[in-house]
Structure formats: structure tokens, C-alpha cells
Amino acid sequence: MSTAANVVVALIGILHVYILVLEMFLWDKPKGLKAFGQTPAQAAATKVLAANQGLYNGFLAAGLFWGLSLGAGGANVKVFFLCCVLVAGLYGAATATKKILFIQAIPAAIGLALVLLS
């Protein structure tokens, strides 16, 4: 079970690196505009805020990778950062778009369950 947990944690970490790239570097580019349903004008007006969000997603990824790097001793670190991802996903689903529930919150809940069961 711990292998499955680590694979899911790693995938969530990779997802958050991808979100970092979208928010920090591609926000006003075609891929970012499509991913977040923005117009070029909206993206231009919110670019600095999006970069800040991207940085936070990078910290989530870094925490998950840190937990993985600690081996068996990193369970508490993984639990903490998965909880952070889960809360952020639930908040995003409630305030921004429901798809965040499926992209961020549910995978975090699955990862959390796997880590706690391993």
C-alpha cells in the first residue's frame, strides 16, 4: 500500500508543479487562457495574482516531494501537505469552479487515505 500511496503523492506533486507553470508562466498564454477560461484582458489584469497562486502551488509540491524524500519517516509531512491540498481544493471548488474538486481535492483525499492506511 505504501508504494501506491507514494505514487499518488508523487502524481499530486507533479500536478502542482504543472499548476505552478500554468499560473506563473502561462497565465496569459493560450494554454493558460484555456485552462482557466480567461480572456486576454482578464489574464492581463490578474497576472500578478496568478503568479502568487502559482508560487503557493509550488510550495505544496515541494512539501509533498519533501515528504517522499524522507521515506517512511515522511508520513506526517505527506499528511500535512495533502491536507493543505485537500482544503485548497475544497475551497476552490466552493468559490471558483467545481472542476477543482475533481482535479485537486479528490486526488488529495485519495492520497491522504492511502498514506494513512500504509
C-alpha atoms as a PDB file:
ATOM      1  CA  MET A   1       0.000   0.000   0.000  1.00  0.00           C
ATOM      2  CA  SER A   2       2.863   2.416   0.691  1.00  0.00           C
ATOM      3  CA  THR A   3       4.010   2.161  -2.936  1.00  0.00           C
ATOM      4  CA  ALA A   4       0.544   3.139  -4.133  1.00  0.00           C
ATOM      5  CA  ALA A   5       0.467   5.989  -1.604  1.00  0.00           C
ATOM      6  CA  ASN A   6       3.852   7.263  -2.764  1.00  0.00           C
ATOM      7  CA  VAL A   7       2.844   7.065  -6.422  1.00  0.00           C
ATOM      8  CA  VAL A   8      -0.323   9.089  -5.743  1.00  0.00           C
ATOM      9  CA  VAL A   9       1.614  11.637  -3.644  1.00  0.00           C
ATOM     10  CA  ALA A  10       4.195  11.984  -6.426  1.00  0.00           C
ATOM     11  CA  LEU A  11       1.470  12.461  -9.048  1.00  0.00           C
ATOM     12  CA  ILE A  12      -0.182  15.145  -6.911  1.00  0.00           C
ATOM     13  CA  GLY A  13       3.204  16.833  -6.519  1.00  0.00           C
ATOM     14  CA  ILE A  14       3.733  16.759 -10.291  1.00  0.00           C
ATOM     15  CA  LEU A  15       0.223  18.148 -10.804  1.00  0.00           C
ATOM     16  CA  HIS A  16       1.045  21.081  -8.541  1.00  0.00           C
ATOM     17  CA  VAL A  17       4.274  21.768 -10.422  1.00  0.00           C
ATOM     18  CA  TYR A  18       2.159  21.852 -13.587  1.00  0.00           C
ATOM     19  CA  ILE A  19      -0.305  24.253 -11.938  1.00  0.00           C
ATOM     20  CA  LEU A  20       2.672  26.415 -10.883  1.00  0.00           C
ATOM     21  CA  VAL A  21       3.823  26.587 -14.514  1.00  0.00           C
ATOM     22  CA  LEU A  22       0.313  27.417 -15.737  1.00  0.00           C
ATOM     23  CA  GLU A  23      -0.231  30.149 -13.160  1.00  0.00           C
ATOM     24  CA  MET A  24       3.240  31.679 -13.089  1.00  0.00           C
ATOM     25  CA  PHE A  25       4.349  31.423 -16.703  1.00  0.00           C
ATOM     26  CA  LEU A  26       1.421  30.535 -18.968  1.00  0.00           C
ATOM     27  CA  TRP A  27      -1.414  32.513 -17.364  1.00  0.00           C
ATOM     28  CA  ASP A  28      -1.771  34.935 -20.283  1.00  0.00           C
ATOM     29  CA  LYS A  29      -0.714  32.449 -22.984  1.00  0.00           C
ATOM     30  CA  PRO A  30      -3.168  30.304 -24.984  1.00  0.00           C
ATOM     31  CA  LYS A  31      -2.698  27.229 -22.755  1.00  0.00           C
ATOM     32  CA  GLY A  32      -3.271  29.259 -19.574  1.00  0.00           C
ATOM     33  CA  LEU A  33      -6.213  31.153 -21.019  1.00  0.00           C
ATOM     34  CA  LYS A  34      -7.861  27.862 -21.994  1.00  0.00           C
ATOM     35  CA  ALA A  35      -7.083  26.108 -18.692  1.00  0.00           C
ATOM     36  CA  PHE A  36      -8.626  28.873 -16.604  1.00  0.00           C
ATOM     37  CA  GLY A  37     -11.284  30.162 -19.008  1.00  0.00           C
ATOM     38  CA  GLN A  38      -9.840  33.662 -19.077  1.00  0.00           C
ATOM     39  CA  THR A  39      -9.927  36.343 -21.735  1.00  0.00           C
ATOM     40  CA  PRO A  40      -6.628  38.040 -22.545  1.00  0.00           C
ATOM     41  CA  ALA A  41      -7.860  41.165 -20.764  1.00  0.00           C
ATOM     42  CA  GLN A  42      -8.806  39.224 -17.614  1.00  0.00           C
ATOM     43  CA  ALA A  43      -5.477  37.419 -17.650  1.00  0.00           C
ATOM     44  CA  ALA A  44      -3.548  40.671 -18.011  1.00  0.00           C
ATOM     45  CA  ALA A  45      -5.419  42.200 -15.073  1.00  0.00           C
ATOM     46  CA  THR A  46      -4.821  39.192 -12.805  1.00  0.00           C
ATOM     47  CA  LYS A  47      -1.355  38.058 -13.910  1.00  0.00           C
ATOM     48  CA  VAL A  48       0.433  39.086 -10.693  1.00  0.00           C
ATOM     49  CA  LEU A  49      -2.208  37.427  -8.508  1.00  0.00           C
ATOM     50  CA  ALA A  50      -1.999  34.251 -10.573  1.00  0.00           C
ATOM     51  CA  ALA A  51       1.781  34.168 -10.212  1.00  0.00           C
ATOM     52  CA  ASN A  52       1.339  34.378  -6.445  1.00  0.00           C
ATOM     53  CA  GLN A  53      -1.118  31.459  -6.558  1.00  0.00           C
ATOM     54  CA  GLY A  54       1.363  29.529  -8.655  1.00  0.00           C
ATOM     55  CA  LEU A  55       4.072  30.064  -6.080  1.00  0.00           C
ATOM     56  CA  TYR A  56       1.819  28.617  -3.372  1.00  0.00           C
ATOM     57  CA  ASN A  57       1.161  25.578  -5.564  1.00  0.00           C
ATOM     58  CA  GLY A  58       4.909  25.199  -5.882  1.00  0.00           C
ATOM     59  CA  PHE A  59       5.223  25.144  -2.097  1.00  0.00           C
ATOM     60  CA  LEU A  60       2.590  22.396  -1.936  1.00  0.00           C
ATOM     61  CA  ALA A  61       4.551  20.366  -4.487  1.00  0.00           C
ATOM     62  CA  ALA A  62       7.813  20.970  -2.618  1.00  0.00           C
ATOM     63  CA  GLY A  63       6.235  19.767   0.630  1.00  0.00           C
ATOM     64  CA  LEU A  64       4.921  16.605  -0.991  1.00  0.00           C
ATOM     65  CA  PHE A  65       8.309  15.858  -2.557  1.00  0.00           C
ATOM     66  CA  TRP A  66       9.981  16.590   0.780  1.00  0.00           C
ATOM     67  CA  GLY A  67       7.693  14.051   2.460  1.00  0.00           C
ATOM     68  CA  LEU A  68       8.547  11.489  -0.205  1.00  0.00           C
ATOM     69  CA  SER A  69      12.274  12.133   0.210  1.00  0.00           C
ATOM     70  CA  LEU A  70      12.058  11.298   3.920  1.00  0.00           C
ATOM     71  CA  GLY A  71      10.938   7.740   3.204  1.00  0.00           C
ATOM     72  CA  ALA A  72       8.912   6.063   5.949  1.00  0.00           C
ATOM     73  CA  GLY A  73       9.675   8.987   8.259  1.00  0.00           C
ATOM     74  CA  GLY A  74       7.879  11.410   5.938  1.00  0.00           C
ATOM     75  CA  ALA A  75       4.339  10.214   6.580  1.00  0.00           C
ATOM     76  CA  ASN A  76       3.438  13.184   8.777  1.00  0.00           C
ATOM     77  CA  VAL A  77       4.843  15.636   6.235  1.00  0.00           C
ATOM     78  CA  LYS A  78       2.823  13.983   3.457  1.00  0.00           C
ATOM     79  CA  VAL A  79      -0.322  14.043   5.602  1.00  0.00           C
ATOM     80  CA  PHE A  80       0.119  17.751   6.365  1.00  0.00           C
ATOM     81  CA  PHE A  81       0.657  18.778   2.746  1.00  0.00           C
ATOM     82  CA  LEU A  82      -2.111  16.508   1.443  1.00  0.00           C
ATOM     83  CA  CYS A  83      -4.457  18.134   3.959  1.00  0.00           C
ATOM     84  CA  CYS A  84      -3.356  21.547   2.647  1.00  0.00           C
ATOM     85  CA  VAL A  85      -4.080  20.430  -0.927  1.00  0.00           C
ATOM     86  CA  LEU A  86      -7.441  18.985   0.125  1.00  0.00           C
ATOM     87  CA  VAL A  87      -8.528  22.181   1.897  1.00  0.00           C
ATOM     88  CA  ALA A  88      -7.359  24.326  -1.023  1.00  0.00           C
ATOM     89  CA  GLY A  89      -9.256  22.059  -3.424  1.00  0.00           C
ATOM     90  CA  LEU A  90     -12.444  22.201  -1.383  1.00  0.00           C
ATOM     91  CA  TYR A  91     -12.203  25.979  -1.096  1.00  0.00           C
ATOM     92  CA  GLY A  92     -11.516  26.328  -4.815  1.00  0.00           C
ATOM     93  CA  ALA A  93     -14.443  24.072  -5.671  1.00  0.00           C
ATOM     94  CA  ALA A  94     -16.743  26.128  -3.435  1.00  0.00           C
ATOM     95  CA  THR A  95     -15.570  29.541  -4.635  1.00  0.00           C
ATOM     96  CA  ALA A  96     -14.154  29.199  -8.149  1.00  0.00           C
ATOM     97  CA  THR A  97     -15.172  26.130 -10.147  1.00  0.00           C
ATOM     98  CA  LYS A  98     -16.445  22.673  -9.298  1.00  0.00           C
ATOM     99  CA  LYS A  99     -13.806  21.031 -11.513  1.00  0.00           C
ATOM    100  CA  ILE A 100     -11.203  21.837  -8.835  1.00  0.00           C
ATOM    101  CA  LEU A 101     -12.946  19.251  -6.670  1.00  0.00           C
ATOM    102  CA  PHE A 102     -12.011  16.545  -9.190  1.00  0.00           C
ATOM    103  CA  ILE A 103      -8.599  17.907 -10.166  1.00  0.00           C
ATOM    104  CA  GLN A 104      -7.290  18.739  -6.703  1.00  0.00           C
ATOM    105  CA  ALA A 105      -9.485  17.756  -3.751  1.00  0.00           C
ATOM    106  CA  ILE A 106     -10.459  14.177  -4.620  1.00  0.00           C
ATOM    107  CA  PRO A 107      -6.918  13.127  -5.589  1.00  0.00           C
ATOM    108  CA  ALA A 108      -5.654  14.648  -2.325  1.00  0.00           C
ATOM    109  CA  ALA A 109      -8.304  12.746  -0.358  1.00  0.00           C
ATOM    110  CA  ILE A 110      -7.305   9.508  -2.084  1.00  0.00           C
ATOM    111  CA  GLY A 111      -3.634  10.181  -1.386  1.00  0.00           C
ATOM    112  CA  LEU A 112      -4.392  11.022   2.222  1.00  0.00           C
ATOM    113  CA  ALA A 113      -6.348   7.794   2.689  1.00  0.00           C
ATOM    114  CA  LEU A 114      -3.549   5.757   1.118  1.00  0.00           C
ATOM    115  CA  VAL A 115      -0.876   7.401   3.266  1.00  0.00           C
ATOM    116  CA  LEU A 116      -2.901   6.867   6.428  1.00  0.00           C
ATOM    117  CA  LEU A 117      -3.538   3.217   5.524  1.00  0.00           C
ATOM    118  CA  SER A 118       0.113   2.464   4.762  1.00  0.00           C
END
